[in-house]
Amino acid sequence: MKKIEAIIRRSKYHIVKEALHAKGIMFFSYWDVTGVGHEQKGSVYRGISYSTSDIQRRFLSIVVNDDFEEVTISTILEAAKTGEVGDGKIFVSDINDAYRIRTGEKGEETLK
């Protein structure tokens, strides 16, 4: 099993969600997060300087069977891309085991 974590633009969330659902990836968690990116020039509006280094993003956490790893990654890459700085990142890590609390099931069956 793999855990795929993605940090994407909030404006791309619904596009990514629909793309994942179309590929059969129905279950995941998400959070609104604020991060700090590369220091960029701030914007000035009516004489007030605003920082653009604090970035509002959405964080997705998805656990999939090994055979869905590449599908999940490629779907996020395609759906979240704008081609501009700040499109986000994807991180992949191994999951040793999973348990369904209700039944006590263990392993990949808990993802179905």
C-alpha atoms as a PDB file:
ATOM      1  CA  MET A   1       0.000   0.000   0.000  1.00  0.00           C
ATOM      2  CA  LYS A   2       1.083   3.567  -0.667  1.00  0.00           C
ATOM      3  CA  LYS A   3       0.253   6.855   0.980  1.00  0.00           C
ATOM      4  CA  ILE A   4       0.125   9.684  -1.501  1.00  0.00           C
ATOM      5  CA  GLU A   5       0.136  13.182  -0.081  1.00  0.00           C
ATOM      6  CA  ALA A   6      -0.417  16.117  -2.390  1.00  0.00           C
ATOM      7  CA  ILE A   7      -0.310  19.838  -1.756  1.00  0.00           C
ATOM      8  CA  ILE A   8      -2.279  21.599  -4.480  1.00  0.00           C
ATOM      9  CA  ARG A   9      -3.821  24.975  -5.257  1.00  0.00           C
ATOM     10  CA  ARG A  10      -7.187  25.377  -3.563  1.00  0.00           C
ATOM     11  CA  SER A  11      -8.628  26.530  -6.875  1.00  0.00           C
ATOM     12  CA  LYS A  12      -7.743  23.143  -8.416  1.00  0.00           C
ATOM     13  CA  TYR A  13      -9.275  20.992  -5.671  1.00  0.00           C
ATOM     14  CA  HIS A  14     -12.630  20.262  -7.336  1.00  0.00           C
ATOM     15  CA  ILE A  15     -10.951  19.431 -10.657  1.00  0.00           C
ATOM     16  CA  VAL A  16      -8.553  17.032  -8.915  1.00  0.00           C
ATOM     17  CA  LYS A  17     -11.371  15.463  -6.867  1.00  0.00           C
ATOM     18  CA  GLU A  18     -13.509  14.810  -9.957  1.00  0.00           C
ATOM     19  CA  ALA A  19     -10.512  13.404 -11.858  1.00  0.00           C
ATOM     20  CA  LEU A  20      -9.702  11.032  -8.978  1.00  0.00           C
ATOM     21  CA  HIS A  21     -13.332   9.904  -8.755  1.00  0.00           C
ATOM     22  CA  ALA A  22     -13.362   9.255 -12.518  1.00  0.00           C
ATOM     23  CA  LYS A  23     -10.376   6.886 -12.015  1.00  0.00           C
ATOM     24  CA  GLY A  24     -12.126   5.026  -9.184  1.00  0.00           C
ATOM     25  CA  ILE A  25     -10.282   6.698  -6.313  1.00  0.00           C
ATOM     26  CA  MET A  26     -13.202   7.652  -4.102  1.00  0.00           C
ATOM     27  CA  PHE A  27     -11.830   7.965  -0.588  1.00  0.00           C
ATOM     28  CA  PHE A  28      -9.296  10.443   0.718  1.00  0.00           C
ATOM     29  CA  SER A  29      -8.893  13.108   3.366  1.00  0.00           C
ATOM     30  CA  TYR A  30      -8.069  16.762   2.835  1.00  0.00           C
ATOM     31  CA  TRP A  31      -7.212  19.840   4.844  1.00  0.00           C
ATOM     32  CA  ASP A  32      -6.850  23.531   4.134  1.00  0.00           C
ATOM     33  CA  VAL A  33      -3.270  24.457   4.946  1.00  0.00           C
ATOM     34  CA  THR A  34      -1.003  27.467   4.850  1.00  0.00           C
ATOM     35  CA  GLY A  35       2.605  27.059   3.867  1.00  0.00           C
ATOM     36  CA  VAL A  36       5.633  29.157   3.195  1.00  0.00           C
ATOM     37  CA  GLY A  37       7.078  29.045  -0.287  1.00  0.00           C
ATOM     38  CA  HIS A  38      10.084  30.620  -1.911  1.00  0.00           C
ATOM     39  CA  GLU A  39      10.271  34.266  -0.976  1.00  0.00           C
ATOM     40  CA  GLN A  40       8.738  36.219  -3.821  1.00  0.00           C
ATOM     41  CA  LYS A  41       8.146  39.905  -4.243  1.00  0.00           C
ATOM     42  CA  GLY A  42       5.040  40.935  -2.362  1.00  0.00           C
ATOM     43  CA  SER A  43       2.246  42.753  -4.051  1.00  0.00           C
ATOM     44  CA  VAL A  44       1.318  46.346  -3.273  1.00  0.00           C
ATOM     45  CA  TYR A  45      -2.301  47.449  -3.294  1.00  0.00           C
ATOM     46  CA  ARG A  46      -3.190  51.058  -2.502  1.00  0.00           C
ATOM     47  CA  GLY A  47       0.168  51.606  -0.877  1.00  0.00           C
ATOM     48  CA  ILE A  48      -0.070  48.548   1.411  1.00  0.00           C
ATOM     49  CA  SER A  49       2.440  45.741   0.896  1.00  0.00           C
ATOM     50  CA  TYR A  50       1.103  42.161   1.072  1.00  0.00           C
ATOM     51  CA  SER A  51       3.293  39.078   1.517  1.00  0.00           C
ATOM     52  CA  THR A  52       2.984  36.421  -1.161  1.00  0.00           C
ATOM     53  CA  SER A  53       5.247  33.942   0.624  1.00  0.00           C
ATOM     54  CA  ASP A  54       2.396  32.606   2.834  1.00  0.00           C
ATOM     55  CA  ILE A  55       0.478  30.340   0.508  1.00  0.00           C
ATOM     56  CA  GLN A  56      -3.055  28.962   0.941  1.00  0.00           C
ATOM     57  CA  ARG A  57      -3.221  25.378  -0.348  1.00  0.00           C
ATOM     58  CA  ARG A  58      -5.189  22.157   0.046  1.00  0.00           C
ATOM     59  CA  PHE A  59      -3.462  19.046   1.422  1.00  0.00           C
ATOM     60  CA  LEU A  60      -4.719  15.646   0.198  1.00  0.00           C
ATOM     61  CA  SER A  61      -3.938  12.347   1.917  1.00  0.00           C
ATOM     62  CA  ILE A  62      -4.748   9.229  -0.110  1.00  0.00           C
ATOM     63  CA  VAL A  63      -3.936   5.589   0.724  1.00  0.00           C
ATOM     64  CA  VAL A  64      -4.148   3.212  -2.237  1.00  0.00           C
ATOM     65  CA  ASN A  65      -3.232  -0.345  -3.159  1.00  0.00           C
ATOM     66  CA  ASP A  66       0.082  -0.568  -5.003  1.00  0.00           C
ATOM     67  CA  ASP A  67      -1.668  -1.030  -8.361  1.00  0.00           C
ATOM     68  CA  PHE A  68      -3.331   2.411  -8.018  1.00  0.00           C
ATOM     69  CA  GLU A  69      -0.127   4.320  -7.212  1.00  0.00           C
ATOM     70  CA  GLU A  70       0.769   5.447 -10.743  1.00  0.00           C
ATOM     71  CA  VAL A  71      -2.869   6.153 -11.689  1.00  0.00           C
ATOM     72  CA  THR A  72      -3.312   8.358  -8.634  1.00  0.00           C
ATOM     73  CA  ILE A  73      -0.075  10.275  -9.184  1.00  0.00           C
ATOM     74  CA  SER A  74      -0.631  10.853 -12.904  1.00  0.00           C
ATOM     75  CA  THR A  75      -4.229  11.954 -12.297  1.00  0.00           C
ATOM     76  CA  ILE A  76      -3.158  14.553  -9.728  1.00  0.00           C
ATOM     77  CA  LEU A  77      -0.293  15.750 -11.940  1.00  0.00           C
ATOM     78  CA  GLU A  78      -2.622  16.279 -14.912  1.00  0.00           C
ATOM     79  CA  ALA A  79      -5.542  17.811 -13.020  1.00  0.00           C
ATOM     80  CA  ALA A  80      -3.589  20.146 -10.708  1.00  0.00           C
ATOM     81  CA  LYS A  81      -1.116  21.564 -13.217  1.00  0.00           C
ATOM     82  CA  THR A  82      -1.302  25.202 -14.293  1.00  0.00           C
ATOM     83  CA  GLY A  83       2.324  25.480 -15.406  1.00  0.00           C
ATOM     84  CA  GLU A  84       2.939  28.351 -12.988  1.00  0.00           C
ATOM     85  CA  VAL A  85       5.158  28.465  -9.899  1.00  0.00           C
ATOM     86  CA  GLY A  86       3.248  27.147  -6.888  1.00  0.00           C
ATOM     87  CA  ASP A  87       1.354  24.249  -8.476  1.00  0.00           C
ATOM     88  CA  GLY A  88       2.311  22.059  -5.504  1.00  0.00           C
ATOM     89  CA  LYS A  89       4.067  18.836  -4.603  1.00  0.00           C
ATOM     90  CA  ILE A  90       3.308  15.118  -4.342  1.00  0.00           C
ATOM     91  CA  PHE A  91       4.922  12.841  -1.757  1.00  0.00           C
ATOM     92  CA  VAL A  92       4.730   9.028  -1.777  1.00  0.00           C
ATOM     93  CA  SER A  93       5.478   6.730   1.145  1.00  0.00           C
ATOM     94  CA  ASP A  94       4.965   3.069   2.016  1.00  0.00           C
ATOM     95  CA  ILE A  95       2.179   1.962   4.344  1.00  0.00           C
ATOM     96  CA  ASN A  96       3.037  -1.171   6.299  1.00  0.00           C
ATOM     97  CA  ASP A  97      -0.488  -2.092   7.316  1.00  0.00           C
ATOM     98  CA  ALA A  98      -4.037  -0.852   7.714  1.00  0.00           C
ATOM     99  CA  TYR A  99      -6.895  -1.892   9.980  1.00  0.00           C
ATOM    100  CA  ARG A 100     -10.636  -1.393   9.685  1.00  0.00           C
ATOM    101  CA  ILE A 101     -11.759  -0.434  13.171  1.00  0.00           C
ATOM    102  CA  ARG A 102     -15.352  -1.664  12.764  1.00  0.00           C
ATOM    103  CA  THR A 103     -14.465  -5.248  11.800  1.00  0.00           C
ATOM    104  CA  GLY A 104     -10.827  -5.635  12.764  1.00  0.00           C
ATOM    105  CA  GLU A 105      -9.906  -6.491   9.152  1.00  0.00           C
ATOM    106  CA  LYS A 106      -6.263  -6.036   8.274  1.00  0.00           C
ATOM    107  CA  GLY A 107      -4.355  -5.241   5.096  1.00  0.00           C
ATOM    108  CA  GLU A 108      -5.344  -4.127   1.620  1.00  0.00           C
ATOM    109  CA  GLU A 109      -8.924  -5.334   2.056  1.00  0.00           C
ATOM    110  CA  THR A 110      -9.515  -2.357   4.349  1.00  0.00           C
ATOM    111  CA  LEU A 111      -9.180  -0.034   1.335  1.00  0.00           C
ATOM    112  CA  LYS A 112     -12.160  -1.559  -0.487  1.00  0.00           C
END
